[in-house]
PDB file of all heavy atoms in Angstrom:
ATOM      1  N   GLY A   1       3.276  -1.451-132.209  1.00  0.00           N
ATOM      2  CA  GLY A   1       3.021  -0.739-133.456  1.00  0.00           C
ATOM      3  C   GLY A   1       4.146  -0.707-134.492  1.00  0.00           C
ATOM      4  O   GLY A   1       4.007  -0.606-135.689  1.00  0.00           O
ATOM      5  N   SER A   2       5.475  -0.827-133.989  1.00  0.00           N
ATOM      6  CA  SER A   2       6.584  -0.775-134.757  1.00  0.00           C
ATOM      7  C   SER A   2       7.590  -1.823-134.369  1.00  0.00           C
ATOM      8  O   SER A   2       7.738  -2.224-133.235  1.00  0.00           O
ATOM      9  CB  SER A   2       7.223   0.650-134.703  1.00  0.00           C
ATOM     10  OG  SER A   2       6.293   1.657-135.116  1.00  0.00           O
ATOM     11  N   THR A   3       8.497  -2.183-135.349  1.00  0.00           N
ATOM     12  CA  THR A   3       9.560  -3.079-135.075  1.00  0.00           C
ATOM     13  C   THR A   3      10.867  -2.629-135.809  1.00  0.00           C
ATOM     14  O   THR A   3      10.774  -1.894-136.792  1.00  0.00           O
ATOM     15  CB  THR A   3       9.210  -4.536-135.562  1.00  0.00           C
ATOM     16  OG1 THR A   3       9.006  -4.508-136.964  1.00  0.00           O
ATOM     17  CG2 THR A   3       8.021  -4.986-134.871  1.00  0.00           C
ATOM     18  N   ASP A   4      11.952  -3.093-135.260  1.00  0.00           N
ATOM     19  CA  ASP A   4      13.197  -2.889-135.866  1.00  0.00           C
ATOM     20  C   ASP A   4      14.086  -4.135-135.578  1.00  0.00           C
ATOM     21  O   ASP A   4      13.908  -4.817-134.607  1.00  0.00           O
ATOM     22  CB  ASP A   4      13.897  -1.584-135.378  1.00  0.00           C
ATOM     23  CG  ASP A   4      14.848  -1.055-136.340  1.00  0.00           C
ATOM     24  OD1 ASP A   4      14.956  -1.481-137.519  1.00  0.00           O
ATOM     25  OD2 ASP A   4      15.678  -0.073-136.026  1.00  0.00           O
ATOM     26  N   TYR A   5      15.130  -4.189-136.472  1.00  0.00           N
ATOM     27  CA  TYR A   5      16.025  -5.406-136.505  1.00  0.00           C
ATOM     28  C   TYR A   5      17.353  -5.141-136.732  1.00  0.00           C
ATOM     29  O   TYR A   5      17.694  -4.111-137.452  1.00  0.00           O
ATOM     30  CB  TYR A   5      15.497  -6.399-137.571  1.00  0.00           C
ATOM     31  CG  TYR A   5      14.042  -6.891-137.414  1.00  0.00           C
ATOM     32  CD1 TYR A   5      13.149  -6.101-138.038  1.00  0.00           C
ATOM     33  CD2 TYR A   5      13.746  -8.012-136.642  1.00  0.00           C
ATOM     34  CE1 TYR A   5      11.780  -6.481-137.854  1.00  0.00           C
ATOM     35  CE2 TYR A   5      12.479  -8.351-136.530  1.00  0.00           C
ATOM     36  CZ  TYR A   5      11.491  -7.623-137.116  1.00  0.00           C
ATOM     37  OH  TYR A   5      10.192  -7.951-137.003  1.00  0.00           O
ATOM     38  N   ALA A   6      18.370  -5.922-136.159  1.00  0.00           N
ATOM     39  CA  ALA A   6      19.705  -5.829-136.570  1.00  0.00           C
ATOM     40  C   ALA A   6      19.818  -6.107-137.997  1.00  0.00           C
ATOM     41  O   ALA A   6      19.051  -7.004-138.620  1.00  0.00           O
ATOM     42  CB  ALA A   6      20.553  -6.782-135.742  1.00  0.00           C
ATOM     43  N   ALA A   7      20.800  -5.587-138.721  1.00  0.00           N
ATOM     44  CA  ALA A   7      20.993  -5.772-140.134  1.00  0.00           C
ATOM     45  C   ALA A   7      21.210  -7.205-140.475  1.00  0.00           C
ATOM     46  O   ALA A   7      20.783  -7.728-141.566  1.00  0.00           O
ATOM     47  CB  ALA A   7      22.092  -4.934-140.660  1.00  0.00           C
ATOM     48  N   SER A   8      21.838  -7.938-139.522  1.00  0.00           N
ATOM     49  CA  SER A   8      22.222  -9.282-139.827  1.00  0.00           C
ATOM     50  C   SER A   8      21.010 -10.212-139.792  1.00  0.00           C
ATOM     51  O   SER A   8      21.103 -11.431-140.360  1.00  0.00           O
ATOM     52  CB  SER A   8      23.187  -9.796-138.677  1.00  0.00           C
ATOM     53  OG  SER A   8      22.669  -9.665-137.450  1.00  0.00           O
ATOM     54  N   VAL A   9      19.854  -9.806-139.272  1.00  0.00           N
ATOM     55  CA  VAL A   9      18.659 -10.645-139.201  1.00  0.00           C
ATOM     56  C   VAL A   9      17.495 -10.084-139.993  1.00  0.00           C
ATOM     57  O   VAL A   9      16.488 -10.815-140.093  1.00  0.00           O
ATOM     58  CB  VAL A   9      18.307 -10.986-137.746  1.00  0.00           C
ATOM     59  CG1 VAL A   9      19.456 -11.518-136.888  1.00  0.00           C
ATOM     60  CG2 VAL A   9      17.664  -9.704-137.106  1.00  0.00           C
ATOM     61  N   LYS A  10      17.622  -8.931-140.402  1.00  0.00           N
ATOM     62  CA  LYS A  10      16.458  -8.287-141.175  1.00  0.00           C
ATOM     63  C   LYS A  10      16.088  -9.101-142.387  1.00  0.00           C
ATOM     64  O   LYS A  10      16.919  -9.523-143.119  1.00  0.00           O
ATOM     65  CB  LYS A  10      16.824  -6.929-141.556  1.00  0.00           C
ATOM     66  CG  LYS A  10      15.596  -6.060-142.062  1.00  0.00           C
ATOM     67  CD  LYS A  10      15.962  -4.618-142.255  1.00  0.00           C
ATOM     68  CE  LYS A  10      14.768  -3.807-142.611  1.00  0.00           C
ATOM     69  NZ  LYS A  10      15.104  -2.327-142.903  1.00  0.00           N
ATOM     70  N   GLY A  11      14.806  -9.360-142.453  1.00  0.00           N
ATOM     71  CA  GLY A  11      14.272 -10.172-143.524  1.00  0.00           C
ATOM     72  C   GLY A  11      14.235 -11.629-143.187  1.00  0.00           C
ATOM     73  O   GLY A  11      13.537 -12.419-143.989  1.00  0.00           O
ATOM     74  N   ARG A  12      14.821 -12.078-142.150  1.00  0.00           N
ATOM     75  CA  ARG A  12      14.761 -13.489-141.770  1.00  0.00           C
ATOM     76  C   ARG A  12      14.031 -13.623-140.460  1.00  0.00           C
ATOM     77  O   ARG A  12      13.366 -14.628-140.270  1.00  0.00           O
ATOM     78  CB  ARG A  12      16.244 -14.041-141.602  1.00  0.00           C
ATOM     79  CG  ARG A  12      17.075 -13.992-142.916  1.00  0.00           C
ATOM     80  CD  ARG A  12      18.390 -14.661-142.662  1.00  0.00           C
ATOM     81  NE  ARG A  12      19.198 -14.065-141.643  1.00  0.00           N
ATOM     82  CZ  ARG A  12      19.638 -14.665-140.597  1.00  0.00           C
ATOM     83  NH1 ARG A  12      19.289 -15.919-140.368  1.00  0.00           N
ATOM     84  NH2 ARG A  12      20.430 -14.081-139.730  1.00  0.00           N
ATOM     85  N   PHE A  13      14.120 -12.704-139.422  1.00  0.00           N
ATOM     86  CA  PHE A  13      13.462 -12.775-138.250  1.00  0.00           C
ATOM     87  C   PHE A  13      12.375 -11.845-138.094  1.00  0.00           C
ATOM     88  O   PHE A  13      12.372 -10.725-138.643  1.00  0.00           O
ATOM     89  CB  PHE A  13      14.529 -12.408-137.144  1.00  0.00           C
ATOM     90  CG  PHE A  13      15.587 -13.403-136.876  1.00  0.00           C
ATOM     91  CD1 PHE A  13      15.896 -14.471-137.816  1.00  0.00           C
ATOM     92  CD2 PHE A  13      16.459 -13.304-135.795  1.00  0.00           C
ATOM     93  CE1 PHE A  13      16.909 -15.267-137.598  1.00  0.00           C
ATOM     94  CE2 PHE A  13      17.476 -14.149-135.530  1.00  0.00           C
ATOM     95  CZ  PHE A  13      17.712 -15.185-136.379  1.00  0.00           C
ATOM     96  N   THR A  14      11.361 -12.142-137.359  1.00  0.00           N
ATOM     97  CA  THR A  14      10.219 -11.279-137.131  1.00  0.00           C
ATOM     98  C   THR A  14       9.899 -11.276-135.652  1.00  0.00           C
ATOM     99  O   THR A  14       9.660 -12.458-135.016  1.00  0.00           O
ATOM    100  CB  THR A  14       8.967 -11.776-137.901  1.00  0.00           C
ATOM    101  OG1 THR A  14       9.192 -11.844-139.293  1.00  0.00           O
ATOM    102  CG2 THR A  14       7.807 -10.813-137.640  1.00  0.00           C
ATOM    103  N   ILE A  15       9.825 -10.125-135.105  1.00  0.00           N
ATOM    104  CA  ILE A  15       9.393 -10.034-133.689  1.00  0.00           C
ATOM    105  C   ILE A  15       7.945  -9.629-133.699  1.00  0.00           C
ATOM    106  O   ILE A  15       7.358  -8.864-134.403  1.00  0.00           O
ATOM    107  CB  ILE A  15      10.288  -8.976-132.905  1.00  0.00           C
ATOM    108  CG1 ILE A  15       9.932  -8.980-131.430  1.00  0.00           C
ATOM    109  CG2 ILE A  15      10.137  -7.541-133.495  1.00  0.00           C
ATOM    110  CD1 ILE A  15      10.941  -8.141-130.585  1.00  0.00           C
ATOM    111  N   SER A  16       7.185 -10.137-132.600  1.00  0.00           N
ATOM    112  CA  SER A  16       5.785  -9.892-132.541  1.00  0.00           C
ATOM    113  C   SER A  16       5.469  -9.983-130.981  1.00  0.00           C
ATOM    114  O   SER A  16       6.273 -10.528-130.171  1.00  0.00           O
ATOM    115  CB  SER A  16       4.879 -10.787-133.394  1.00  0.00           C
ATOM    116  OG  SER A  16       5.116 -12.124-132.940  1.00  0.00           O
ATOM    117  N   ARG A  17       4.286  -9.537-130.664  1.00  0.00           N
ATOM    118  CA  ARG A  17       3.884  -9.629-129.273  1.00  0.00           C
ATOM    119  C   ARG A  17       2.394  -9.913-129.124  1.00  0.00           C
ATOM    120  O   ARG A  17       1.641  -9.390-130.000  1.00  0.00           O
ATOM    121  CB  ARG A  17       4.251  -8.375-128.514  1.00  0.00           C
ATOM    122  CG  ARG A  17       3.560  -7.110-128.928  1.00  0.00           C
ATOM    123  CD  ARG A  17       4.239  -5.906-128.270  1.00  0.00           C
ATOM    124  NE  ARG A  17       4.211  -5.931-126.812  1.00  0.00           N
ATOM    125  CZ  ARG A  17       4.922  -5.133-126.086  1.00  0.00           C
ATOM    126  NH1 ARG A  17       5.862  -4.243-126.603  1.00  0.00           N
ATOM    127  NH2 ARG A  17       4.877  -5.127-124.736  1.00  0.00           N
ATOM    128  N   ASP A  18       2.036 -10.557-128.183  1.00  0.00           N
ATOM    129  CA  ASP A  18       0.608 -10.730-127.763  1.00  0.00           C
ATOM    130  C   ASP A  18       0.438 -10.154-126.378  1.00  0.00           C
ATOM    131  O   ASP A  18       0.673 -10.712-125.377  1.00  0.00           O
ATOM    132  CB  ASP A  18       0.252 -12.239-127.770  1.00  0.00           C
ATOM    133  CG  ASP A  18      -1.171 -12.603-127.476  1.00  0.00           C
ATOM    134  OD1 ASP A  18      -1.894 -11.761-126.869  1.00  0.00           O
ATOM    135  OD2 ASP A  18      -1.633 -13.602-127.846  1.00  0.00           O
ATOM    136  N   ASN A  19      -0.139  -8.908-126.412  1.00  0.00           N
ATOM    137  CA  ASN A  19      -0.197  -8.192-125.231  1.00  0.00           C
ATOM    138  C   ASN A  19      -1.185  -8.826-124.179  1.00  0.00           C
ATOM    139  O   ASN A  19      -1.005  -8.773-122.967  1.00  0.00           O
ATOM    140  CB  ASN A  19      -0.678  -6.802-125.457  1.00  0.00           C
ATOM    141  CG  ASN A  19       0.364  -5.957-126.245  1.00  0.00           C
ATOM    142  OD1 ASN A  19       1.604  -6.126-125.930  1.00  0.00           O
ATOM    143  ND2 ASN A  19       0.018  -5.024-127.009  1.00  0.00           N
ATOM    144  N   ALA A  20      -2.239  -9.510-124.665  1.00  0.00           N
ATOM    145  CA  ALA A  20      -3.108 -10.224-123.721  1.00  0.00           C
ATOM    146  C   ALA A  20      -2.427 -11.263-123.020  1.00  0.00           C
ATOM    147  O   ALA A  20      -2.813 -11.595-121.930  1.00  0.00           O
ATOM    148  CB  ALA A  20      -4.320 -10.799-124.495  1.00  0.00           C
ATOM    149  N   LYS A  21      -1.364 -11.916-123.555  1.00  0.00           N
ATOM    150  CA  LYS A  21      -0.541 -12.986-122.907  1.00  0.00           C
ATOM    151  C   LYS A  21       0.768 -12.481-122.271  1.00  0.00           C
ATOM    152  O   LYS A  21       1.494 -13.223-121.753  1.00  0.00           O
ATOM    153  CB  LYS A  21      -0.311 -14.020-123.891  1.00  0.00           C
ATOM    154  CG  LYS A  21      -1.603 -14.714-124.394  1.00  0.00           C
ATOM    155  CD  LYS A  21      -1.166 -15.963-125.404  1.00  0.00           C
ATOM    156  CE  LYS A  21      -2.303 -16.562-125.909  1.00  0.00           C
ATOM    157  NZ  LYS A  21      -2.008 -17.624-126.896  1.00  0.00           N
ATOM    158  N   ASN A  22       1.037 -11.177-122.420  1.00  0.00           N
ATOM    159  CA  ASN A  22       2.306 -10.576-122.016  1.00  0.00           C
ATOM    160  C   ASN A  22       3.454 -11.395-122.540  1.00  0.00           C
ATOM    161  O   ASN A  22       4.402 -11.728-121.832  1.00  0.00           O
ATOM    162  CB  ASN A  22       2.332 -10.583-120.459  1.00  0.00           C
ATOM    163  CG  ASN A  22       1.696  -9.403-119.804  1.00  0.00           C
ATOM    164  OD1 ASN A  22       1.422  -8.377-120.457  1.00  0.00           O
ATOM    165  ND2 ASN A  22       1.241  -9.636-118.550  1.00  0.00           N
ATOM    166  N   THR A  23       3.423 -11.687-123.819  1.00  0.00           N
ATOM    167  CA  THR A  23       4.313 -12.536-124.452  1.00  0.00           C
ATOM    168  C   THR A  23       4.922 -11.930-125.715  1.00  0.00           C
ATOM    169  O   THR A  23       4.159 -11.372-126.516  1.00  0.00           O
ATOM    170  CB  THR A  23       3.723 -13.981-124.832  1.00  0.00           C
ATOM    171  OG1 THR A  23       3.271 -14.571-123.618  1.00  0.00           O
ATOM    172  CG2 THR A  23       4.681 -14.896-125.472  1.00  0.00           C
ATOM    173  N   VAL A  24       6.170 -12.043-125.952  1.00  0.00           N
ATOM    174  CA  VAL A  24       6.823 -11.595-127.059  1.00  0.00           C
ATOM    175  C   VAL A  24       7.423 -12.814-127.811  1.00  0.00           C
ATOM    176  O   VAL A  24       7.892 -13.771-127.154  1.00  0.00           O
ATOM    177  CB  VAL A  24       7.975 -10.554-126.772  1.00  0.00           C
ATOM    178  CG1 VAL A  24       9.025 -11.098-125.933  1.00  0.00           C
ATOM    179  CG2 VAL A  24       8.467  -9.968-128.109  1.00  0.00           C
ATOM    180  N   TYR A  25       7.412 -12.754-129.152  1.00  0.00           N
ATOM    181  CA  TYR A  25       7.868 -13.873-129.917  1.00  0.00           C
ATOM    182  C   TYR A  25       8.991 -13.445-130.901  1.00  0.00           C
ATOM    183  O   TYR A  25       9.139 -12.291-131.276  1.00  0.00           O
ATOM    184  CB  TYR A  25       6.781 -14.460-130.808  1.00  0.00           C
ATOM    185  CG  TYR A  25       5.569 -14.899-129.971  1.00  0.00           C
ATOM    186  CD1 TYR A  25       4.491 -13.991-129.812  1.00  0.00           C
ATOM    187  CD2 TYR A  25       5.479 -16.094-129.491  1.00  0.00           C
ATOM    188  CE1 TYR A  25       3.340 -14.371-129.124  1.00  0.00           C
ATOM    189  CE2 TYR A  25       4.363 -16.491-128.698  1.00  0.00           C
ATOM    190  CZ  TYR A  25       3.319 -15.661-128.524  1.00  0.00           C
ATOM    191  OH  TYR A  25       2.200 -16.042-127.857  1.00  0.00           O
ATOM    192  N   LEU A  26       9.793 -14.368-131.232  1.00  0.00           N
ATOM    193  CA  LEU A  26      10.787 -14.149-132.256  1.00  0.00           C
ATOM    194  C   LEU A  26      10.705 -15.302-133.237  1.00  0.00           C
ATOM    195  O   LEU A  26      11.175 -16.464-132.949  1.00  0.00           O
ATOM    196  CB  LEU A  26      12.277 -14.026-131.711  1.00  0.00           C
ATOM    197  CG  LEU A  26      13.312 -13.625-132.671  1.00  0.00           C
ATOM    198  CD1 LEU A  26      13.118 -12.194-133.195  1.00  0.00           C
ATOM    199  CD2 LEU A  26      14.704 -13.744-132.132  1.00  0.00           C
ATOM    200  N   GLN A  27      10.208 -15.008-134.424  1.00  0.00           N
ATOM    201  CA  GLN A  27      10.161 -16.077-135.502  1.00  0.00           C
ATOM    202  C   GLN A  27      11.477 -15.945-136.227  1.00  0.00           C
ATOM    203  O   GLN A  27      11.845 -14.941-136.760  1.00  0.00           O
ATOM    204  CB  GLN A  27       8.948 -15.788-136.347  1.00  0.00           C
ATOM    205  CG  GLN A  27       8.817 -16.826-137.525  1.00  0.00           C
ATOM    206  CD  GLN A  27       8.620 -18.244-137.123  1.00  0.00           C
ATOM    207  OE1 GLN A  27       7.752 -18.452-136.336  1.00  0.00           O
ATOM    208  NE2 GLN A  27       9.431 -19.207-137.672  1.00  0.00           N
ATOM    209  N   MET A  28      12.196 -17.012-136.336  1.00  0.00           N
ATOM    210  CA  MET A  28      13.462 -17.030-136.968  1.00  0.00           C
ATOM    211  C   MET A  28      13.503 -18.019-138.109  1.00  0.00           C
ATOM    212  O   MET A  28      13.247 -19.236-137.884  1.00  0.00           O
ATOM    213  CB  MET A  28      14.596 -17.514-135.993  1.00  0.00           C
ATOM    214  CG  MET A  28      14.613 -16.602-134.751  1.00  0.00           C
ATOM    215  SD  MET A  28      16.070 -17.030-133.679  1.00  0.00           S
ATOM    216  CE  MET A  28      15.632 -18.684-133.162  1.00  0.00           C
ATOM    217  N   ASN A  29      13.619 -17.499-139.349  1.00  0.00           N
ATOM    218  CA  ASN A  29      13.653 -18.333-140.537  1.00  0.00           C
ATOM    219  C   ASN A  29      15.084 -18.326-141.214  1.00  0.00           C
ATOM    220  O   ASN A  29      15.784 -17.318-140.880  1.00  0.00           O
ATOM    221  CB  ASN A  29      12.590 -17.814-141.575  1.00  0.00           C
ATOM    222  CG  ASN A  29      11.202 -17.909-140.944  1.00  0.00           C
ATOM    223  OD1 ASN A  29      10.855 -18.834-140.201  1.00  0.00           O
ATOM    224  ND2 ASN A  29      10.312 -16.997-141.351  1.00  0.00           N
ATOM    225  N   SER A  30      15.219 -19.153-142.099  1.00  0.00           N
ATOM    226  CA  SER A  30      16.540 -19.150-142.808  1.00  0.00           C
ATOM    227  C   SER A  30      17.712 -19.074-141.902  1.00  0.00           C
ATOM    228  O   SER A  30      18.655 -18.258-142.174  1.00  0.00           O
ATOM    229  CB  SER A  30      16.529 -18.060-143.855  1.00  0.00           C
ATOM    230  OG  SER A  30      15.478 -18.132-144.757  1.00  0.00           O
ATOM    231  N   LEU A  31      17.691 -19.852-140.950  1.00  0.00           N
ATOM    232  CA  LEU A  31      18.816 -19.754-139.851  1.00  0.00           C
ATOM    233  C   LEU A  31      20.118 -20.167-140.382  1.00  0.00           C
ATOM    234  O   LEU A  31      20.240 -21.032-141.315  1.00  0.00           O
ATOM    235  CB  LEU A  31      18.451 -20.658-138.680  1.00  0.00           C
ATOM    236  CG  LEU A  31      17.343 -20.075-137.773  1.00  0.00           C
ATOM    237  CD1 LEU A  31      16.753 -21.073-136.898  1.00  0.00           C
ATOM    238  CD2 LEU A  31      17.972 -18.975-136.856  1.00  0.00           C
ATOM    239  N   ARG A  32      21.135 -19.484-139.868  1.00  0.00           N
ATOM    240  CA  ARG A  32      22.509 -19.704-140.304  1.00  0.00           C
ATOM    241  C   ARG A  32      23.310 -20.056-139.127  1.00  0.00           C
ATOM    242  O   ARG A  32      23.001 -19.791-138.001  1.00  0.00           O
ATOM    243  CB  ARG A  32      23.093 -18.387-140.894  1.00  0.00           C
ATOM    244  CG  ARG A  32      22.303 -17.784-142.007  1.00  0.00           C
ATOM    245  CD  ARG A  32      22.683 -16.347-142.348  1.00  0.00           C
ATOM    246  NE  ARG A  32      21.918 -15.762-143.450  1.00  0.00           N
ATOM    247  CZ  ARG A  32      21.956 -14.528-143.735  1.00  0.00           C
ATOM    248  NH1 ARG A  32      22.704 -13.617-143.000  1.00  0.00           N
ATOM    249  NH2 ARG A  32      21.222 -14.087-144.805  1.00  0.00           N
ATOM    250  N   PRO A  33      24.490 -20.754-139.347  1.00  0.00           N
ATOM    251  CA  PRO A  33      25.258 -21.109-138.191  1.00  0.00           C
ATOM    252  C   PRO A  33      25.762 -19.954-137.389  1.00  0.00           C
ATOM    253  O   PRO A  33      25.890 -20.073-136.113  1.00  0.00           O
ATOM    254  CB  PRO A  33      26.504 -21.829-138.898  1.00  0.00           C
ATOM    255  CG  PRO A  33      25.997 -22.394-140.146  1.00  0.00           C
ATOM    256  CD  PRO A  33      24.982 -21.422-140.536  1.00  0.00           C
ATOM    257  N   GLU A  34      25.866 -18.782-137.927  1.00  0.00           N
ATOM    258  CA  GLU A  34      26.351 -17.621-137.207  1.00  0.00           C
ATOM    259  C   GLU A  34      25.237 -17.038-136.282  1.00  0.00           C
ATOM    260  O   GLU A  34      25.430 -16.101-135.555  1.00  0.00           O
ATOM    261  CB  GLU A  34      26.809 -16.499-138.157  1.00  0.00           C
ATOM    262  CG  GLU A  34      25.914 -16.082-139.322  1.00  0.00           C
ATOM    263  CD  GLU A  34      26.206 -16.836-140.568  1.00  0.00           C
ATOM    264  OE1 GLU A  34      26.557 -18.185-140.559  1.00  0.00           O
ATOM    265  OE2 GLU A  34      26.169 -16.216-141.598  1.00  0.00           O
ATOM    266  N   ASP A  35      24.031 -17.548-136.465  1.00  0.00           N
ATOM    267  CA  ASP A  35      22.926 -17.244-135.483  1.00  0.00           C
ATOM    268  C   ASP A  35      23.016 -18.016-134.188  1.00  0.00           C
ATOM    269  O   ASP A  35      22.302 -17.756-133.328  1.00  0.00           O
ATOM    270  CB  ASP A  35      21.514 -17.522-136.123  1.00  0.00           C
ATOM    271  CG  ASP A  35      21.281 -16.745-137.358  1.00  0.00           C
ATOM    272  OD1 ASP A  35      21.600 -15.441-137.373  1.00  0.00           O
ATOM    273  OD2 ASP A  35      20.648 -17.210-138.382  1.00  0.00           O
ATOM    274  N   THR A  36      23.894 -18.952-134.130  1.00  0.00           N
ATOM    275  CA  THR A  36      24.059 -19.686-132.952  1.00  0.00           C
ATOM    276  C   THR A  36      24.463 -18.850-131.764  1.00  0.00           C
ATOM    277  O   THR A  36      25.375 -18.102-131.882  1.00  0.00           O
ATOM    278  CB  THR A  36      25.137 -20.833-133.106  1.00  0.00           C
ATOM    279  OG1 THR A  36      24.714 -21.701-134.092  1.00  0.00           O
ATOM    280  CG2 THR A  36      25.411 -21.530-131.808  1.00  0.00           C
ATOM    281  N   ALA A  37      23.704 -18.872-130.665  1.00  0.00           N
ATOM    282  CA  ALA A  37      23.827 -18.052-129.598  1.00  0.00           C
ATOM    283  C   ALA A  37      22.814 -18.318-128.487  1.00  0.00           C
ATOM    284  O   ALA A  37      21.896 -19.137-128.652  1.00  0.00           O
ATOM    285  CB  ALA A  37      23.699 -16.511-129.883  1.00  0.00           C
ATOM    286  N   VAL A  38      23.039 -17.769-127.317  1.00  0.00           N
ATOM    287  CA  VAL A  38      21.978 -17.754-126.267  1.00  0.00           C
ATOM    288  C   VAL A  38      21.132 -16.467-126.516  1.00  0.00           C
ATOM    289  O   VAL A  38      21.658 -15.414-126.685  1.00  0.00           O
ATOM    290  CB  VAL A  38      22.530 -17.768-124.846  1.00  0.00           C
ATOM    291  CG1 VAL A  38      21.473 -17.643-123.829  1.00  0.00           C
ATOM    292  CG2 VAL A  38      23.389 -18.916-124.683  1.00  0.00           C
ATOM    293  N   TYR A  39      19.862 -16.716-126.762  1.00  0.00           N
ATOM    294  CA  TYR A  39      18.924 -15.633-126.976  1.00  0.00           C
ATOM    295  C   TYR A  39      18.259 -15.143-125.749  1.00  0.00           C
ATOM    296  O   TYR A  39      17.661 -16.042-125.024  1.00  0.00           O
ATOM    297  CB  TYR A  39      17.930 -16.062-128.010  1.00  0.00           C
ATOM    298  CG  TYR A  39      18.498 -16.050-129.394  1.00  0.00           C
ATOM    299  CD1 TYR A  39      19.529 -16.999-129.819  1.00  0.00           C
ATOM    300  CD2 TYR A  39      18.161 -15.090-130.400  1.00  0.00           C
ATOM    301  CE1 TYR A  39      20.082 -17.004-131.054  1.00  0.00           C
ATOM    302  CE2 TYR A  39      18.720 -15.107-131.641  1.00  0.00           C
ATOM    303  CZ  TYR A  39      19.651 -16.030-131.997  1.00  0.00           C
ATOM    304  OH  TYR A  39      20.187 -15.992-133.198  1.00  0.00           O
ATOM    305  N   TYR A  40      18.172 -13.934-125.517  1.00  0.00           N
ATOM    306  CA  TYR A  40      17.586 -13.333-124.351  1.00  0.00           C
ATOM    307  C   TYR A  40      16.398 -12.439-124.719  1.00  0.00           C
ATOM    308  O   TYR A  40      16.593 -11.577-125.596  1.00  0.00           O
ATOM    309  CB  TYR A  40      18.597 -12.551-123.497  1.00  0.00           C
ATOM    310  CG  TYR A  40      19.742 -13.333-123.053  1.00  0.00           C
ATOM    311  CD1 TYR A  40      20.846 -13.437-123.753  1.00  0.00           C
ATOM    312  CD2 TYR A  40      19.737 -13.865-121.742  1.00  0.00           C
ATOM    313  CE1 TYR A  40      21.993 -14.114-123.270  1.00  0.00           C
ATOM    314  CE2 TYR A  40      20.747 -14.635-121.239  1.00  0.00           C
ATOM    315  CZ  TYR A  40      21.917 -14.767-122.015  1.00  0.00           C
ATOM    316  OH  TYR A  40      23.022 -15.395-121.591  1.00  0.00           O
ATOM    317  N   CYS A  41      15.289 -12.492-123.980  1.00  0.00           N
ATOM    318  CA  CYS A  41      14.297 -11.500-124.150  1.00  0.00           C
ATOM    319  C   CYS A  41      14.445 -10.404-123.030  1.00  0.00           C
ATOM    320  O   CYS A  41      15.006 -10.714-121.969  1.00  0.00           O
ATOM    321  CB  CYS A  41      12.896 -12.018-124.134  1.00  0.00           C
ATOM    322  SG  CYS A  41      12.400 -12.873-122.639  1.00  0.00           S
ATOM    323  N   ALA A  42      13.958  -9.231-123.207  1.00  0.00           N
ATOM    324  CA  ALA A  42      14.036  -8.135-122.305  1.00  0.00           C
ATOM    325  C   ALA A  42      12.930  -7.155-122.410  1.00  0.00           C
ATOM    326  O   ALA A  42      12.252  -7.067-123.451  1.00  0.00           O
ATOM    327  CB  ALA A  42      15.379  -7.398-122.541  1.00  0.00           C
ATOM    328  N   VAL A  43      12.615  -6.521-121.296  1.00  0.00           N
ATOM    329  CA  VAL A  43      11.630  -5.492-121.262  1.00  0.00           C
ATOM    330  C   VAL A  43      12.148  -4.229-120.739  1.00  0.00           C
ATOM    331  O   VAL A  43      12.918  -4.229-119.783  1.00  0.00           O
ATOM    332  CB  VAL A  43      10.476  -6.040-120.300  1.00  0.00           C
ATOM    333  CG1 VAL A  43       9.442  -4.858-120.110  1.00  0.00           C
ATOM    334  CG2 VAL A  43       9.781  -7.276-120.865  1.00  0.00           C
ATOM    335  N   ARG A  44      11.788  -3.113-121.374  1.00  0.00           N
ATOM    336  CA  ARG A  44      12.091  -1.828-120.889  1.00  0.00           C
ATOM    337  C   ARG A  44      10.962  -1.360-119.971  1.00  0.00           C
ATOM    338  O   ARG A  44       9.946  -1.015-120.447  1.00  0.00           O
ATOM    339  CB  ARG A  44      12.390  -0.859-122.028  1.00  0.00           C
ATOM    340  CG  ARG A  44      12.754   0.543-121.467  1.00  0.00           C
ATOM    341  CD  ARG A  44      13.060   1.592-122.602  1.00  0.00           C
ATOM    342  NE  ARG A  44      13.231   2.865-122.056  1.00  0.00           N
ATOM    343  CZ  ARG A  44      14.278   3.482-121.600  1.00  0.00           C
ATOM    344  NH1 ARG A  44      15.450   2.714-121.637  1.00  0.00           N
ATOM    345  NH2 ARG A  44      14.298   4.739-121.139  1.00  0.00           N
ATOM    346  N   GLY A  45      11.228  -1.474-118.678  1.00  0.00           N
ATOM    347  CA  GLY A  45      10.229  -1.058-117.746  1.00  0.00           C
ATOM    348  C   GLY A  45      10.369   0.368-117.172  1.00  0.00           C
ATOM    349  O   GLY A  45       9.641   0.761-116.234  1.00  0.00           O
ATOM    350  N   THR A  46      11.266   1.123-117.709  1.00  0.00           N
ATOM    351  CA  THR A  46      11.552   2.485-117.431  1.00  0.00           C
ATOM    352  C   THR A  46      10.988   3.371-118.384  1.00  0.00           C
ATOM    353  O   THR A  46      10.470   3.007-119.471  1.00  0.00           O
ATOM    354  CB  THR A  46      13.018   2.747-117.271  1.00  0.00           C
ATOM    355  OG1 THR A  46      13.708   2.272-118.480  1.00  0.00           O
ATOM    356  CG2 THR A  46      13.626   1.975-116.103  1.00  0.00           C
ATOM    357  N   PRO A  47      10.889   4.756-118.153  1.00  0.00           N
ATOM    358  CA  PRO A  47      10.224   5.641-119.176  1.00  0.00           C
ATOM    359  C   PRO A  47      10.662   5.503-120.464  1.00  0.00           C
ATOM    360  O   PRO A  47      11.873   5.323-120.765  1.00  0.00           O
ATOM    361  CB  PRO A  47      10.424   7.049-118.477  1.00  0.00           C
ATOM    362  CG  PRO A  47      10.590   6.801-117.023  1.00  0.00           C
ATOM    363  CD  PRO A  47      11.255   5.362-116.923  1.00  0.00           C
TER     364      PRO A  47
END
């Protein structure tokens, strides 16, 4: 229902999820060299 972003990517990246597929996405637009990194997804499985 809600999303939030780091200031450095706000307006350029969009996170979404497809619960039927247990999948989360990160759409990254207007990429910059400083976006270069290893990207990790994570799940909070605790309360």
